[in-house]
Amino acid sequence: MRNKYFGTDGIRGTINQGNITGEKFFKFGLASGTYFKNQKKNKQIAVIAKDTRLSGYTLEPALVSGLVSGGMHVFTLGPLPTNGLAMLTKSMKANMGIMITASHNPYHDNGLKLFGPDGMKLSDKIEKKIEKLIDAKNTKQLTNPKLLGRVKRLEDGNDKYIKILKSNFPNNFNLKGTKIVLDCANGACYKAAPKLLSELGAKVITIGVKPNGLNINHKCGSTHPSKIKFFVKKYKADVGISFDGDADRIIMCDEKGKIINGDQIIAMLARRWKSKKILRGGVIGTLMSNYGLEQFLKKENIKFFRAKVGDRYVKEKMKKLNFNLGGEQSGHIILGKFATTGDGLLVALEVLFSLRKGIKASKLLNVFKPLPQILENVDVKNKNILNSYKCRTSIRLANKVMEKNGRILVRKSGTEPKIRIMAESNNKNLISKCIKIIKKSILN
């Protein structure tokens, strides 16, 4: 049974509609605070960060109010990447962490991602328990007036995050002589990323570092990689790096202007970590991972398994199999040696560490030949249309047309009102034909 409030990556939607209102966020704060307060009696601390959306000023106070009303003490950190929040939740020994964000979605959406005291995203089981508390009567969760929580703003969240990131690399690691085009999507990493890379000695050309509350992900960031491609060529940079709104995704560009997605970055890291004897177990991808990645890892004698789409499911499978590398084509990459969730800036550092000896990005990051793959997103009013007889019939027909010449995946987006259709094959005409069959049944 699917969750009532939580999707594949937290709670997300359009501001002032449905679940994304001040009233609901008060309930989310009260319910999640009540759950985690009951898990750990000696401390009652929640840590909150956010991206740069204007609506954060509406939702954060409501969330804080719910937490405080339940007896939680709250530290607010302001704009900070998602994994920065996860890292600080763990290092501060907090009961829980909450990131207010809609990730790569446009400014008019917002939401939240919840983290436990270990810095991990919550399991479906825990989310269901919190959902029951959300729908329960609030009066049972409201605390005694003497036990209300307190709120404090911490101004050094980005500095603490940068310090943790640096601690994962040798003291003499520097990027002197490296020219980087950096696109922060006018999002959560607009402070941390330029500061960190500049401190390491890189020459940084910045894009998307002037958030105004409405321009997050707007024609910039990892969903618009053409931006870094243009500026890498213009400034003859060594590499381009692009993040999404909460900086848990990374897309890169080599010095020749070729876009590098998550699958290529994972392939490079897997091969490098194996040679350095850092890789543990193998690699976890998703149903969206390119078949070319699977074949490359097989050739390298590296185990590969697929999880459901969503970095939370990747991490769960990594934990279950004791693997320390996994991720998604979209750029969600989890370096289990260092982090509990996707972290674009951390992945960027790991790649830059490999480039520091003068190796060209084009040589390092173009690891395998991907199988031609097309992904089409179809806007829908009701994602359950996928369960209709018409859609199910068209998917069966498309699979029959494709036969053994490729792969088709059709799924509901867990974060947006869209149906995602993916097809891959060496026959591009076959890909287009199969997508057209499915798309027609959704739109008509």
Protein backbone atom coordinates (compact mmCIF):
# COMPACT_ATOMS: atom_id res chain seq x y z
CA MET A 1 0.00 0.00 0.00
CA ARG A 2 1.46 3.36 -1.04
CA ASN A 3 2.12 6.09 1.48
CA LYS A 4 -0.49 8.81 1.96
CA TYR A 5 1.91 11.76 2.22
CA PHE A 6 5.42 10.55 1.40
CA GLY A 7 6.58 9.93 -2.17
CA THR A 8 9.85 8.43 -3.39
CA ASP A 9 11.81 11.32 -1.92
CA GLY A 10 9.92 12.90 0.96
CA ILE A 11 6.83 15.07 0.64
CA ARG A 12 6.53 17.37 -2.34
CA GLY A 13 3.98 19.49 -4.20
CA THR A 14 2.87 22.99 -5.16
CA ILE A 15 2.99 25.65 -2.46
CA ASN A 16 -0.34 26.55 -0.82
CA GLN A 17 -2.00 23.48 -2.31
CA GLY A 18 -2.68 20.00 -0.96
CA ASN A 19 0.00 18.97 1.54
CA ILE A 20 2.28 21.96 1.00
CA THR A 21 0.64 24.48 3.32
CA GLY A 22 1.56 26.03 6.66
CA GLU A 23 -1.25 24.09 8.34
CA LYS A 24 0.05 20.75 7.03
CA PHE A 25 3.67 21.56 7.87
CA PHE A 26 2.68 22.28 11.45
CA LYS A 27 1.23 18.75 11.55
CA PHE A 28 4.31 17.29 9.84
CA GLY A 29 6.54 18.95 12.42
CA LEU A 30 4.43 17.85 15.37
CA ALA A 31 4.06 14.26 14.11
CA SER A 32 7.69 13.68 13.09
CA GLY A 33 8.92 15.35 16.28
CA THR A 34 6.64 13.13 18.37
CA TYR A 35 7.91 10.00 16.63
CA PHE A 36 11.60 10.79 17.04
CA LYS A 37 11.19 12.17 20.55
CA ASN A 38 9.84 8.78 21.58
CA GLN A 39 12.89 7.03 20.11
CA LYS A 40 15.44 8.94 22.17
CA LYS A 41 14.44 10.25 25.58
CA ASN A 42 17.59 12.05 26.72
CA LYS A 43 17.74 14.67 23.92
CA GLN A 44 15.00 16.39 21.98
CA ILE A 45 16.75 18.11 19.08
CA ALA A 46 15.69 18.70 15.49
CA VAL A 47 17.89 20.35 12.86
CA ILE A 48 16.31 22.17 9.91
CA ALA A 49 17.87 23.40 6.66
CA LYS A 50 16.30 24.56 3.40
CA ASP A 51 16.99 25.54 -0.17
CA THR A 52 16.39 29.05 -1.52
CA ARG A 53 12.69 28.98 -2.45
CA LEU A 54 10.62 31.96 -1.36
CA SER A 55 8.04 29.55 0.07
CA GLY A 56 10.62 28.35 2.60
CA TYR A 57 9.77 31.46 4.61
CA THR A 58 6.18 30.21 4.83
CA LEU A 59 6.85 26.56 5.56
CA GLU A 60 9.82 26.75 7.94
CA PRO A 61 8.00 28.71 10.71
CA ALA A 62 5.06 26.31 10.52
CA LEU A 63 7.36 23.30 10.74
CA VAL A 64 9.28 24.85 13.65
CA SER A 65 6.02 25.63 15.42
CA GLY A 66 4.90 22.00 15.16
CA LEU A 67 8.22 20.69 16.46
CA VAL A 68 8.38 23.15 19.36
CA SER A 69 4.74 22.45 20.26
CA GLY A 70 5.68 18.80 20.63
CA GLY A 71 8.63 19.59 22.89
CA MET A 72 11.48 19.51 20.37
CA HIS A 73 14.37 21.99 20.54
CA VAL A 74 15.11 23.26 17.03
CA PHE A 75 18.28 24.50 15.34
CA THR A 76 17.73 26.23 11.99
CA LEU A 77 20.63 26.37 9.54
CA GLY A 78 19.26 28.36 6.60
CA PRO A 79 20.24 27.43 3.02
CA LEU A 80 22.41 24.30 3.05
CA PRO A 81 22.77 21.26 0.71
CA THR A 82 20.70 18.23 1.65
CA ASN A 83 23.67 16.07 2.60
CA GLY A 84 25.05 18.94 4.64
CA LEU A 85 21.87 18.70 6.70
CA ALA A 86 22.25 14.89 6.92
CA MET A 87 25.87 15.21 8.04
CA LEU A 88 25.11 17.84 10.68
CA THR A 89 22.12 15.86 11.98
CA LYS A 90 24.53 13.02 12.70
CA SER A 91 27.46 15.11 13.98
CA MET A 92 25.21 17.17 16.29
CA LYS A 93 23.66 13.96 17.65
CA ALA A 94 20.18 15.29 16.88
CA ASN A 95 17.05 13.16 17.00
CA MET A 96 16.16 14.12 13.45
CA GLY A 97 16.90 16.39 10.50
CA ILE A 98 14.47 18.04 8.10
CA MET A 99 15.39 19.51 4.73
CA ILE A 100 12.81 21.90 3.28
CA THR A 101 13.17 21.50 -0.47
CA ALA A 102 11.61 20.34 -3.71
CA SER A 103 15.03 19.40 -5.11
CA HIS A 104 15.09 19.83 -8.92
CA ASN A 105 11.46 21.00 -9.17
CA PRO A 106 10.58 24.62 -10.14
CA TYR A 107 10.25 27.39 -7.54
CA HIS A 108 6.48 27.04 -7.10
CA ASP A 109 6.94 23.56 -5.60
CA ASN A 110 8.32 22.78 -2.17
CA GLY A 111 8.40 19.93 0.30
CA LEU A 112 10.55 18.19 2.86
CA LYS A 113 12.97 15.30 3.30
CA LEU A 114 13.29 13.64 6.69
CA PHE A 115 16.43 12.13 8.17
CA GLY A 116 16.91 9.99 11.25
CA PRO A 117 19.68 10.46 13.86
CA ASP A 118 22.03 8.37 11.70
CA GLY A 119 21.68 10.83 8.81
CA MET A 120 19.73 8.27 6.79
CA LYS A 121 16.47 8.88 4.93
CA LEU A 122 13.53 7.12 6.50
CA SER A 123 12.27 3.68 5.53
CA ASP A 124 8.73 3.16 4.25
CA LYS A 125 7.93 1.54 7.59
CA ILE A 126 8.89 4.63 9.63
CA GLU A 127 7.15 6.94 7.15
CA LYS A 128 3.92 5.00 7.64
CA LYS A 129 4.22 5.38 11.43
CA ILE A 130 4.68 9.13 11.06
CA GLU A 131 1.72 9.30 8.68
CA LYS A 132 -0.48 7.74 11.37
CA LEU A 133 0.67 10.44 13.78
CA ILE A 134 -0.07 13.15 11.19
CA ASP A 135 -3.67 11.99 10.98
CA ALA A 136 -4.06 11.46 14.74
CA LYS A 137 -5.57 14.06 17.08
CA ASN A 138 -2.96 16.74 17.74
CA THR A 139 -3.99 17.24 21.37
CA LYS A 140 -2.27 14.00 22.39
CA GLN A 141 1.03 15.15 20.90
CA LEU A 142 1.06 18.73 22.23
CA THR A 143 3.43 19.10 25.17
CA ASN A 144 3.03 20.73 28.58
CA PRO A 145 3.61 24.53 28.36
CA LYS A 146 6.68 24.21 30.59
CA LEU A 147 8.20 21.67 28.19
CA LEU A 148 7.88 23.64 24.96
CA GLY A 149 10.98 23.49 22.79
CA ARG A 150 13.34 26.38 22.07
CA VAL A 151 14.61 27.65 18.72
CA LYS A 152 18.09 28.85 17.76
CA ARG A 153 19.53 29.92 14.41
CA LEU A 154 23.05 28.64 13.64
CA GLU A 155 24.95 30.78 11.16
CA ASP A 156 27.91 28.45 10.60
CA GLY A 157 26.12 25.47 9.02
CA ASN A 158 27.92 25.83 5.67
CA ASP A 159 31.31 26.18 7.36
CA LYS A 160 30.70 23.02 9.42
CA TYR A 161 29.64 21.17 6.26
CA ILE A 162 32.73 22.33 4.33
CA LYS A 163 34.95 21.23 7.20
CA ILE A 164 33.43 17.73 7.15
CA LEU A 165 33.88 17.47 3.37
CA LYS A 166 37.53 18.54 3.55
CA SER A 167 38.23 16.00 6.28
CA ASN A 168 37.62 13.19 3.77
CA PHE A 169 40.65 14.20 1.69
CA PRO A 170 44.39 14.60 2.34
CA ASN A 171 45.48 17.94 3.84
CA ASN A 172 47.60 18.69 0.78
CA PHE A 173 44.71 18.26 -1.68
CA ASN A 174 44.42 21.40 -3.79
CA LEU A 175 42.97 22.45 -7.13
CA LYS A 176 45.51 25.11 -8.13
CA GLY A 177 45.62 25.47 -11.90
CA THR A 178 42.14 23.97 -12.37
CA LYS A 179 39.51 26.13 -14.06
CA ILE A 180 35.96 25.11 -13.14
CA VAL A 181 32.58 26.30 -14.41
CA LEU A 182 30.19 25.88 -11.48
CA ASP A 183 26.39 26.05 -11.74
CA CYS A 184 24.66 26.10 -8.35
CA ALA A 185 21.10 26.31 -9.76
CA ASN A 186 20.42 29.38 -7.58
CA GLY A 187 19.88 26.76 -4.92
CA ALA A 188 21.09 25.43 -1.59
CA CYS A 189 24.80 25.19 -2.43
CA TYR A 190 25.23 28.75 -3.72
CA LYS A 191 27.39 29.58 -0.69
CA ALA A 192 29.17 26.30 0.11
CA ALA A 193 30.27 25.16 -3.36
CA PRO A 194 32.04 28.33 -4.61
CA LYS A 195 33.65 28.87 -1.20
CA LEU A 196 34.98 25.32 -0.92
CA LEU A 197 36.37 25.10 -4.46
CA SER A 198 37.96 28.56 -4.17
CA GLU A 199 39.53 27.64 -0.83
CA LEU A 200 41.10 24.61 -2.54
CA GLY A 201 42.72 26.93 -5.07
CA ALA A 202 40.54 26.45 -8.14
CA LYS A 203 39.65 29.27 -10.49
CA VAL A 204 35.85 29.21 -10.31
CA ILE A 205 33.47 30.70 -12.87
CA THR A 206 30.07 30.76 -11.19
CA ILE A 207 26.54 30.51 -12.57
CA GLY A 208 23.33 30.33 -10.55
CA VAL A 209 24.66 31.89 -7.35
CA LYS A 210 22.19 34.77 -7.09
CA PRO A 211 18.98 33.25 -5.70
CA ASN A 212 15.96 35.53 -5.46
CA GLY A 213 13.47 32.96 -4.20
CA LEU A 214 11.93 32.43 -7.63
CA ASN A 215 14.85 31.47 -9.89
CA ILE A 216 15.91 28.14 -8.35
CA ASN A 217 16.46 25.58 -11.16
CA HIS A 218 15.21 28.13 -13.70
CA LYS A 219 17.13 27.53 -16.93
CA CYS A 220 20.13 26.48 -14.86
CA GLY A 221 21.42 23.64 -12.73
CA SER A 222 21.62 19.91 -13.43
CA THR A 223 18.32 19.87 -15.33
CA HIS A 224 19.77 22.40 -17.83
CA PRO A 225 23.34 21.13 -18.47
CA SER A 226 23.58 23.10 -21.72
CA LYS A 227 24.44 26.05 -19.49
CA ILE A 228 27.75 24.59 -18.26
CA LYS A 229 28.46 23.24 -21.73
CA PHE A 230 28.29 26.77 -23.15
CA PHE A 231 30.46 28.34 -20.45
CA VAL A 232 33.04 25.54 -20.40
CA LYS A 233 33.64 26.18 -24.10
CA LYS A 234 33.53 29.98 -23.69
CA TYR A 235 36.09 30.09 -20.87
CA LYS A 236 38.07 27.02 -21.99
CA ALA A 237 37.55 25.46 -18.58
CA ASP A 238 38.90 22.09 -17.49
CA VAL A 239 35.53 20.86 -16.28
CA GLY A 240 31.95 21.95 -15.66
CA ILE A 241 29.94 21.04 -12.56
CA SER A 242 26.20 21.49 -12.21
CA PHE A 243 23.99 20.84 -9.17
CA ASP A 244 20.24 20.83 -8.63
CA GLY A 245 18.24 22.92 -6.17
CA ASP A 246 19.28 21.05 -3.02
CA ALA A 247 22.65 19.89 -4.40
CA ASP A 248 22.09 16.16 -3.99
CA ARG A 249 22.50 15.71 -7.77
CA ILE A 250 25.49 16.39 -9.99
CA ILE A 251 25.86 16.52 -13.76
CA MET A 252 29.26 17.32 -15.26
CA CYS A 253 30.80 18.46 -18.53
CA ASP A 254 34.25 17.63 -19.86
CA GLU A 255 36.65 20.18 -21.38
CA LYS A 256 35.35 19.36 -24.87
CA GLY A 257 31.78 20.26 -23.91
CA LYS A 258 30.41 16.73 -23.59
CA ILE A 259 27.77 16.30 -20.86
CA ILE A 260 28.58 13.59 -18.32
CA ASN A 261 25.63 12.03 -16.47
CA GLY A 262 25.48 10.03 -13.27
CA ASP A 263 26.02 6.65 -14.95
CA GLN A 264 29.40 7.73 -16.39
CA ILE A 265 30.50 9.22 -13.06
CA ILE A 266 29.53 6.00 -11.25
CA ALA A 267 31.45 3.92 -13.80
CA MET A 268 34.57 6.05 -13.33
CA LEU A 269 34.35 5.89 -9.54
CA ALA A 270 33.72 2.13 -9.54
CA ARG A 271 36.78 1.43 -11.67
CA ARG A 272 38.96 3.81 -9.67
CA TRP A 273 37.76 2.59 -6.28
CA LYS A 274 38.31 -1.01 -7.35
CA SER A 275 41.91 -0.27 -8.39
CA LYS A 276 42.51 1.53 -5.07
CA LYS A 277 40.82 -1.32 -3.19
CA ILE A 278 38.24 1.12 -1.80
CA LEU A 279 35.20 -0.44 -3.51
CA ARG A 280 33.22 -2.70 -1.22
CA GLY A 281 30.94 -5.32 -2.74
CA GLY A 282 29.96 -3.63 -5.98
CA VAL A 283 27.58 -1.01 -7.35
CA ILE A 284 23.86 -0.39 -6.89
CA GLY A 285 22.08 1.34 -9.76
CA THR A 286 18.38 1.72 -10.50
CA LEU A 287 15.87 0.55 -13.07
CA MET A 288 16.86 3.67 -15.04
CA SER A 289 20.59 2.91 -15.15
CA ASN A 290 21.84 2.54 -18.71
CA TYR A 291 22.43 -1.02 -19.89
CA GLY A 292 25.85 0.12 -21.07
CA LEU A 293 26.82 0.74 -17.44
CA GLU A 294 25.71 -2.77 -16.50
CA GLN A 295 27.78 -4.27 -19.32
CA PHE A 296 30.84 -2.17 -18.42
CA LEU A 297 30.74 -3.25 -14.78
CA LYS A 298 30.32 -6.87 -15.83
CA LYS A 299 33.43 -6.55 -18.01
CA GLU A 300 35.31 -5.02 -15.05
CA ASN A 301 34.17 -7.94 -12.88
CA ILE A 302 32.23 -5.58 -10.59
CA LYS A 303 28.90 -6.75 -9.18
CA PHE A 304 25.88 -4.67 -10.18
CA PHE A 305 22.31 -4.72 -8.89
CA ARG A 306 19.33 -2.50 -9.63
CA ALA A 307 17.07 -0.86 -7.03
CA LYS A 308 13.81 1.02 -7.44
CA VAL A 309 14.18 4.61 -8.66
CA GLY A 310 15.03 6.97 -5.80
CA ASP A 311 18.30 7.39 -3.92
CA ARG A 312 16.61 6.21 -0.71
CA TYR A 313 16.05 2.79 -2.29
CA VAL A 314 19.60 2.76 -3.62
CA LYS A 315 20.94 3.43 -0.13
CA GLU A 316 18.70 0.76 1.43
CA LYS A 317 20.03 -1.84 -1.02
CA MET A 318 23.61 -0.65 -0.48
CA LYS A 319 23.14 -1.11 3.24
CA LYS A 320 21.53 -4.52 2.83
CA LEU A 321 24.32 -5.84 0.59
CA ASN A 322 27.11 -3.92 2.34
CA PHE A 323 28.07 -2.04 -0.87
CA ASN A 324 29.60 1.44 -0.67
CA LEU A 325 28.82 2.91 -4.11
CA GLY A 326 25.50 3.48 -5.80
CA GLY A 327 23.44 6.05 -7.61
CA GLU A 328 21.24 7.17 -10.44
CA GLN A 329 21.67 8.39 -13.98
CA SER A 330 20.15 11.71 -12.90
CA GLY A 331 23.22 12.41 -10.75
CA HIS A 332 22.10 11.17 -7.33
CA ILE A 333 25.30 9.39 -6.32
CA ILE A 334 25.94 7.96 -2.86
CA LEU A 335 29.52 7.53 -1.73
CA GLY A 336 28.90 5.15 1.13
CA LYS A 337 32.47 5.54 2.34
CA PHE A 338 31.69 9.17 3.21
CA ALA A 339 27.95 9.89 3.15
CA THR A 340 24.47 8.54 3.85
CA THR A 341 22.70 10.21 0.93
CA GLY A 342 23.39 11.84 -2.43
CA ASP A 343 25.83 14.75 -2.27
CA GLY A 344 26.74 16.58 -5.47
CA LEU A 345 29.56 18.58 -3.90
CA LEU A 346 31.16 15.53 -2.31
CA VAL A 347 31.03 13.63 -5.62
CA ALA A 348 32.52 16.67 -7.37
CA LEU A 349 35.46 16.64 -4.94
CA GLU A 350 36.02 12.92 -5.49
CA VAL A 351 36.11 13.44 -9.27
CA LEU A 352 38.33 16.53 -8.99
CA PHE A 353 40.67 14.57 -6.74
CA SER A 354 41.10 12.15 -9.65
CA LEU A 355 41.72 15.02 -12.09
CA ARG A 356 44.33 16.81 -10.01
CA LYS A 357 47.34 15.22 -11.76
CA GLY A 358 46.53 16.82 -15.08
CA ILE A 359 44.29 14.06 -16.45
CA LYS A 360 41.76 15.43 -18.92
CA ALA A 361 38.10 15.19 -17.91
CA SER A 362 37.28 13.77 -21.36
CA LYS A 363 39.65 10.88 -20.74
CA LEU A 364 38.57 10.24 -17.16
CA LEU A 365 34.80 10.53 -17.44
CA ASN A 366 33.88 8.91 -20.77
CA VAL A 367 34.18 5.39 -19.45
CA PHE A 368 31.69 3.32 -21.45
CA LYS A 369 29.54 3.61 -24.55
CA PRO A 370 25.93 4.04 -23.42
CA LEU A 371 23.12 2.22 -25.15
CA PRO A 372 20.91 4.82 -26.91
CA GLN A 373 18.23 5.75 -24.39
CA ILE A 374 15.32 8.17 -24.55
CA LEU A 375 13.33 9.38 -21.56
CA GLU A 376 10.06 11.23 -22.12
CA ASN A 377 8.09 12.85 -19.32
CA VAL A 378 4.36 13.12 -19.93
CA ASP A 379 2.39 15.64 -17.85
CA VAL A 380 -0.79 14.15 -16.39
CA LYS A 381 -3.55 15.28 -14.04
CA ASN A 382 -3.84 11.84 -12.47
CA LYS A 383 -0.84 9.50 -12.36
CA ASN A 384 -3.18 6.54 -11.79
CA ILE A 385 -3.98 6.64 -15.49
CA LEU A 386 -1.06 4.24 -15.75
CA ASN A 387 -3.24 1.58 -14.12
CA SER A 388 -5.94 1.88 -16.79
CA TYR A 389 -6.63 -1.01 -19.16
CA LYS A 390 -5.72 1.18 -22.14
CA CYS A 391 -2.27 2.05 -20.75
CA ARG A 392 -1.50 -1.47 -19.57
CA THR A 393 -2.43 -2.82 -23.02
CA SER A 394 -0.22 -0.27 -24.80
CA ILE A 395 2.76 -1.12 -22.56
CA ARG A 396 2.33 -4.83 -23.34
CA LEU A 397 2.17 -3.99 -27.05
CA ALA A 398 5.31 -1.81 -26.86
CA ASN A 399 7.23 -4.56 -25.08
CA LYS A 400 6.12 -7.02 -27.75
CA VAL A 401 7.34 -4.63 -30.47
CA MET A 402 10.67 -4.17 -28.67
CA GLU A 403 11.02 -7.92 -27.96
CA LYS A 404 14.67 -8.71 -27.12
CA ASN A 405 16.09 -5.67 -28.88
CA GLY A 406 16.06 -3.38 -25.86
CA ARG A 407 14.33 -2.36 -22.65
CA ILE A 408 11.24 -0.33 -21.73
CA LEU A 409 10.38 1.18 -18.34
CA VAL A 410 7.19 3.12 -17.62
CA ARG A 411 6.62 4.54 -14.15
CA LYS A 412 4.87 7.26 -12.19
CA SER A 413 7.10 10.07 -11.02
CA GLY A 414 7.39 10.04 -7.26
CA THR A 415 7.90 13.80 -7.09
CA GLU A 416 5.93 15.40 -9.96
CA PRO A 417 2.59 14.95 -11.79
CA LYS A 418 4.25 13.08 -14.64
CA ILE A 419 4.49 9.63 -16.20
CA ARG A 420 8.07 8.78 -17.18
CA ILE A 421 8.62 6.61 -20.25
CA MET A 422 12.11 5.25 -20.84
CA ALA A 423 13.23 3.05 -23.72
CA GLU A 424 16.72 1.95 -24.73
CA SER A 425 17.95 0.03 -27.76
CA ASN A 426 20.58 0.21 -30.47
CA ASN A 427 17.65 0.78 -32.84
CA LYS A 428 16.59 4.42 -32.34
CA ASN A 429 13.58 4.08 -34.63
CA LEU A 430 12.35 1.22 -32.47
CA ILE A 431 12.74 3.38 -29.35
CA SER A 432 10.66 6.18 -30.88
CA LYS A 433 7.98 3.75 -32.07
CA CYS A 434 7.58 2.13 -28.64
CA ILE A 435 7.46 5.45 -26.78
CA LYS A 436 4.86 6.74 -29.24
CA ILE A 437 2.63 3.70 -28.60
CA ILE A 438 2.66 4.25 -24.84
CA LYS A 439 2.46 8.04 -24.95
CA LYS A 440 -0.62 7.92 -27.18
CA SER A 441 -2.52 5.82 -24.63
CA ILE A 442 -1.69 8.29 -21.85
CA LEU A 443 -2.65 11.46 -23.75
CA ASN A 444 -5.82 10.16 -25.46
